[in-house]
Amino acid sequence: MGSKPLKSWINYTCTCGKNIPVKGTTATESFNEEGFMGGYRISRAFSMVHAVLTCLGILDNHRVIEIWVKVSNPETLSQIHHMIQQPYSYLEFVRLIAEKANESEKGEALISFIRERLELVQSLAAKNSNHKVYYCMGSPLFALNAGRMENNLVAFSGGVSINKQIQKEGKPGVNVSPSFINEQNPETIFISGFLSRPLDEFYGLCINTAYLQMQ
């Protein structure tokens, strides 16, 4: 997952001379998967479903698997992918999973719990007006895609996500130049918990390789 061939592989032979037992023919056209389709994104989707089920008190593995089966079709996974990108549409994701689990009442209770906290954040959002934020993953120069929930949460809480300035997208983000970050000069940098690293290592990458103008 995540590996890409640099050129077409025709004879399936390694540089050491070993023949690789590959069956079939090499595709001549590139293929791009959208959203949650393919790779680790499927397992991440199932993890998010599992988290909601845990909050609903569904801890039996057999029931969890039954609900995973119900959402494992491409249409539902694509629907989930869009639902989880915005704070309030995430509530619809919770409602969907609760319905799949036949636990609508518990689902509405969880939705009410989350909505109260969203409203609290919104009431404080004005205090963060124009506060610039950068969201990266692992490396200071690997920026999360502009449309991801993390960046939308920044905007939701009143901040300005500099990631929104990035036009291109990758999975789950793209590399940016040191000049981009320095020019935008964010006041706060968030490091994604997924593929994160210790803070001292992160600072080391910034300083030792002159990535950023540390202030």
Protein backbone atom coordinates (compact mmCIF):
# COMPACT_ATOMS: atom_id res chain seq x y z
CA MET A 1 0.00 0.00 0.00
CA GLY A 2 1.36 3.36 -1.03
CA SER A 3 4.15 1.93 -3.20
CA LYS A 4 4.32 2.98 -6.84
CA PRO A 5 6.28 1.43 -9.73
CA LEU A 6 8.53 4.02 -11.35
CA LYS A 7 8.27 2.42 -14.79
CA SER A 8 6.43 -0.40 -16.51
CA TRP A 9 7.57 -3.84 -15.37
CA ILE A 10 7.80 -5.95 -18.50
CA ASN A 11 9.90 -9.05 -17.90
CA TYR A 12 9.23 -9.46 -14.13
CA THR A 13 12.91 -10.05 -13.44
CA CYS A 14 14.77 -8.47 -10.55
CA THR A 15 18.14 -6.79 -11.12
CA CYS A 16 19.72 -9.72 -9.26
CA GLY A 17 18.44 -12.05 -11.99
CA LYS A 18 15.69 -13.65 -9.91
CA ASN A 19 12.46 -14.16 -11.82
CA ILE A 20 9.34 -12.97 -9.98
CA PRO A 21 6.33 -15.33 -10.38
CA VAL A 22 3.87 -12.62 -11.48
CA LYS A 23 0.77 -13.73 -13.38
CA GLY A 24 -1.13 -11.60 -15.86
CA THR A 25 -0.10 -8.53 -17.81
CA THR A 26 1.08 -5.09 -16.76
CA ALA A 27 -1.54 -2.34 -16.99
CA THR A 28 -0.63 0.42 -19.42
CA GLU A 29 -2.92 3.07 -17.91
CA SER A 30 -2.64 4.58 -14.43
CA PHE A 31 -5.47 4.12 -11.95
CA ASN A 32 -6.50 6.49 -9.17
CA GLU A 33 -8.77 5.51 -6.29
CA GLU A 34 -11.05 8.17 -4.84
CA GLY A 35 -11.75 8.85 -1.19
CA PHE A 36 -11.67 5.83 1.08
CA MET A 37 -11.39 3.35 -1.79
CA GLY A 38 -8.33 1.12 -1.51
CA GLY A 39 -5.34 0.73 0.79
CA TYR A 40 -5.35 1.55 4.47
CA ARG A 41 -8.31 3.93 4.07
CA ILE A 42 -10.73 1.00 4.25
CA SER A 43 -9.30 -0.14 7.58
CA ARG A 44 -9.40 3.45 8.87
CA ALA A 45 -13.08 3.66 7.93
CA PHE A 46 -13.78 0.45 9.85
CA SER A 47 -11.87 1.87 12.84
CA MET A 48 -14.10 4.95 12.83
CA VAL A 49 -17.20 2.77 12.68
CA HIS A 50 -15.80 0.70 15.54
CA ALA A 51 -15.27 3.86 17.61
CA VAL A 52 -18.90 4.91 17.20
CA LEU A 53 -20.10 1.41 18.08
CA THR A 54 -17.96 1.49 21.23
CA CYS A 55 -19.61 4.78 22.25
CA LEU A 56 -22.98 3.11 21.67
CA GLY A 57 -21.98 0.34 24.06
CA ILE A 58 -21.60 -2.33 21.37
CA LEU A 59 -18.52 -4.25 22.47
CA ASP A 60 -19.30 -7.72 21.12
CA ASN A 61 -16.94 -8.49 18.25
CA HIS A 62 -19.56 -10.52 16.38
CA ARG A 63 -21.95 -7.55 16.32
CA VAL A 64 -19.14 -5.23 15.25
CA ILE A 65 -18.31 -7.50 12.32
CA GLU A 66 -21.99 -7.71 11.33
CA ILE A 67 -22.16 -3.91 11.10
CA TRP A 68 -18.85 -3.76 9.24
CA VAL A 69 -20.40 -6.06 6.64
CA LYS A 70 -23.37 -3.69 6.32
CA VAL A 71 -21.13 -0.71 5.48
CA SER A 72 -18.52 -2.53 3.40
CA ASN A 73 -20.03 -1.73 0.00
CA PRO A 74 -18.38 1.07 -2.05
CA GLU A 75 -21.47 3.31 -1.99
CA THR A 76 -21.73 3.37 1.81
CA LEU A 77 -17.97 3.79 2.27
CA SER A 78 -18.01 6.73 -0.12
CA GLN A 79 -20.98 8.20 1.78
CA ILE A 80 -19.07 7.81 5.06
CA HIS A 81 -15.98 9.44 3.55
CA HIS A 82 -17.94 12.63 2.85
CA MET A 83 -19.89 12.59 6.11
CA ILE A 84 -16.82 12.58 8.34
CA GLN A 85 -15.19 15.65 6.77
CA GLN A 86 -17.37 18.29 8.47
CA PRO A 87 -18.29 18.58 12.17
CA TYR A 88 -22.07 18.62 11.72
CA SER A 89 -22.19 16.07 8.91
CA TYR A 90 -20.23 13.78 11.26
CA LEU A 91 -23.43 13.66 13.32
CA GLU A 92 -25.14 12.10 10.30
CA PHE A 93 -22.37 9.50 10.22
CA VAL A 94 -23.15 8.63 13.85
CA ARG A 95 -26.86 8.42 12.98
CA LEU A 96 -26.12 6.10 10.03
CA ILE A 97 -24.05 3.70 12.13
CA ALA A 98 -26.61 3.73 14.95
CA GLU A 99 -29.34 2.81 12.45
CA LYS A 100 -27.20 -0.02 11.02
CA ALA A 101 -26.80 -1.29 14.59
CA ASN A 102 -30.52 -0.93 15.40
CA GLU A 103 -29.56 1.45 18.22
CA SER A 104 -31.16 4.67 17.01
CA GLU A 105 -32.08 5.87 20.51
CA LYS A 106 -28.51 5.54 21.76
CA GLY A 107 -27.34 7.13 18.54
CA GLU A 108 -29.49 10.23 19.13
CA ALA A 109 -28.15 10.49 22.68
CA LEU A 110 -24.58 10.41 21.36
CA ILE A 111 -25.45 12.97 18.69
CA SER A 112 -26.92 15.27 21.34
CA PHE A 113 -23.74 14.90 23.43
CA ILE A 114 -21.49 15.82 20.49
CA ARG A 115 -23.76 18.65 19.30
CA GLU A 116 -23.59 20.37 22.70
CA ARG A 117 -19.81 20.43 22.45
CA LEU A 118 -19.87 21.66 18.86
CA GLU A 119 -22.11 24.53 19.93
CA LEU A 120 -19.72 25.33 22.78
CA VAL A 121 -16.79 25.48 20.34
CA GLN A 122 -18.78 27.73 18.00
CA SER A 123 -19.57 30.11 20.85
CA LEU A 124 -15.82 30.53 21.46
CA ALA A 125 -14.80 30.63 17.79
CA ALA A 126 -14.72 34.42 17.53
CA LYS A 127 -11.81 34.52 19.98
CA ASN A 128 -9.68 32.60 17.46
CA SER A 129 -10.42 34.92 14.55
CA ASN A 130 -7.54 35.09 12.05
CA HIS A 131 -5.39 32.70 14.10
CA LYS A 132 -3.27 30.90 11.48
CA VAL A 133 -2.90 27.13 11.84
CA TYR A 134 -0.89 24.52 9.94
CA TYR A 135 -1.79 20.81 10.06
CA CYS A 136 0.88 18.28 9.12
CA MET A 137 1.51 14.56 9.44
CA GLY A 138 4.83 13.23 10.71
CA SER A 139 7.11 15.57 8.76
CA PRO A 140 6.85 19.38 8.94
CA LEU A 141 6.68 19.41 5.15
CA PHE A 142 3.86 16.88 4.73
CA ALA A 143 0.61 18.85 4.80
CA LEU A 144 -2.78 17.25 5.32
CA ASN A 145 -5.23 17.74 2.46
CA ALA A 146 -7.23 20.95 2.69
CA GLY A 147 -10.62 19.20 2.77
CA ARG A 148 -9.89 16.84 5.66
CA MET A 149 -11.79 17.01 8.92
CA GLU A 150 -8.73 18.30 10.81
CA ASN A 151 -8.52 21.45 8.70
CA ASN A 152 -12.29 21.90 8.76
CA LEU A 153 -12.17 21.76 12.57
CA VAL A 154 -9.63 24.59 12.51
CA ALA A 155 -12.04 26.71 10.46
CA PHE A 156 -14.99 25.62 12.61
CA SER A 157 -13.23 26.86 15.74
CA GLY A 158 -12.54 30.25 14.17
CA GLY A 159 -8.96 29.69 12.97
CA VAL A 160 -7.49 30.04 9.50
CA SER A 161 -6.04 26.82 8.10
CA ILE A 162 -3.11 27.63 5.81
CA ASN A 163 -3.61 24.14 4.33
CA LYS A 164 -6.61 25.62 2.53
CA GLN A 165 -4.14 27.56 0.37
CA ILE A 166 -2.75 24.33 -1.11
CA GLN A 167 -4.36 23.52 -4.46
CA LYS A 168 -3.07 19.97 -5.05
CA GLU A 169 -4.05 16.86 -3.10
CA GLY A 170 -2.53 13.46 -2.34
CA LYS A 171 -3.26 10.58 0.02
CA PRO A 172 -3.59 11.68 2.79
CA GLY A 173 -1.71 14.89 1.98
CA VAL A 174 1.05 16.49 -0.05
CA ASN A 175 4.62 17.69 0.37
CA VAL A 176 5.07 21.45 0.62
CA SER A 177 8.14 23.69 0.50
CA PRO A 178 9.70 25.39 3.55
CA SER A 179 8.99 28.74 1.90
CA PHE A 180 5.25 28.02 1.88
CA ILE A 181 5.16 27.53 5.64
CA ASN A 182 7.48 30.45 6.35
CA GLU A 183 5.50 32.82 4.13
CA GLN A 184 2.20 31.80 5.73
CA ASN A 185 3.82 31.99 9.19
CA PRO A 186 1.27 29.93 11.18
CA GLU A 187 0.89 30.69 14.87
CA THR A 188 0.05 27.08 15.71
CA ILE A 189 1.21 23.81 14.14
CA PHE A 190 -0.77 20.63 14.76
CA ILE A 191 0.90 17.25 14.20
CA SER A 192 -1.58 14.55 13.26
CA GLY A 193 -1.77 11.71 15.76
CA PHE A 194 -1.66 9.20 12.91
CA LEU A 195 1.98 8.69 11.80
CA SER A 196 3.05 11.23 14.39
CA ARG A 197 6.48 11.48 15.99
CA PRO A 198 7.86 12.78 19.34
CA LEU A 199 7.91 16.57 19.60
CA ASP A 200 11.69 16.78 20.02
CA GLU A 201 12.18 14.86 16.76
CA PHE A 202 9.76 17.19 15.02
CA TYR A 203 11.68 20.25 16.26
CA GLY A 204 14.89 18.56 15.17
CA LEU A 205 13.60 18.20 11.62
CA CYS A 206 12.71 21.88 11.59
CA ILE A 207 16.03 23.12 12.97
CA ASN A 208 18.68 20.68 11.75
CA THR A 209 17.54 20.77 8.15
CA ALA A 210 16.56 24.45 8.18
CA TYR A 211 13.00 23.57 7.23
CA LEU A 212 11.35 26.40 9.09
CA GLN A 213 12.16 29.69 10.69
CA MET A 214 11.48 28.71 14.28
CA GLN A 215 10.13 31.58 16.34
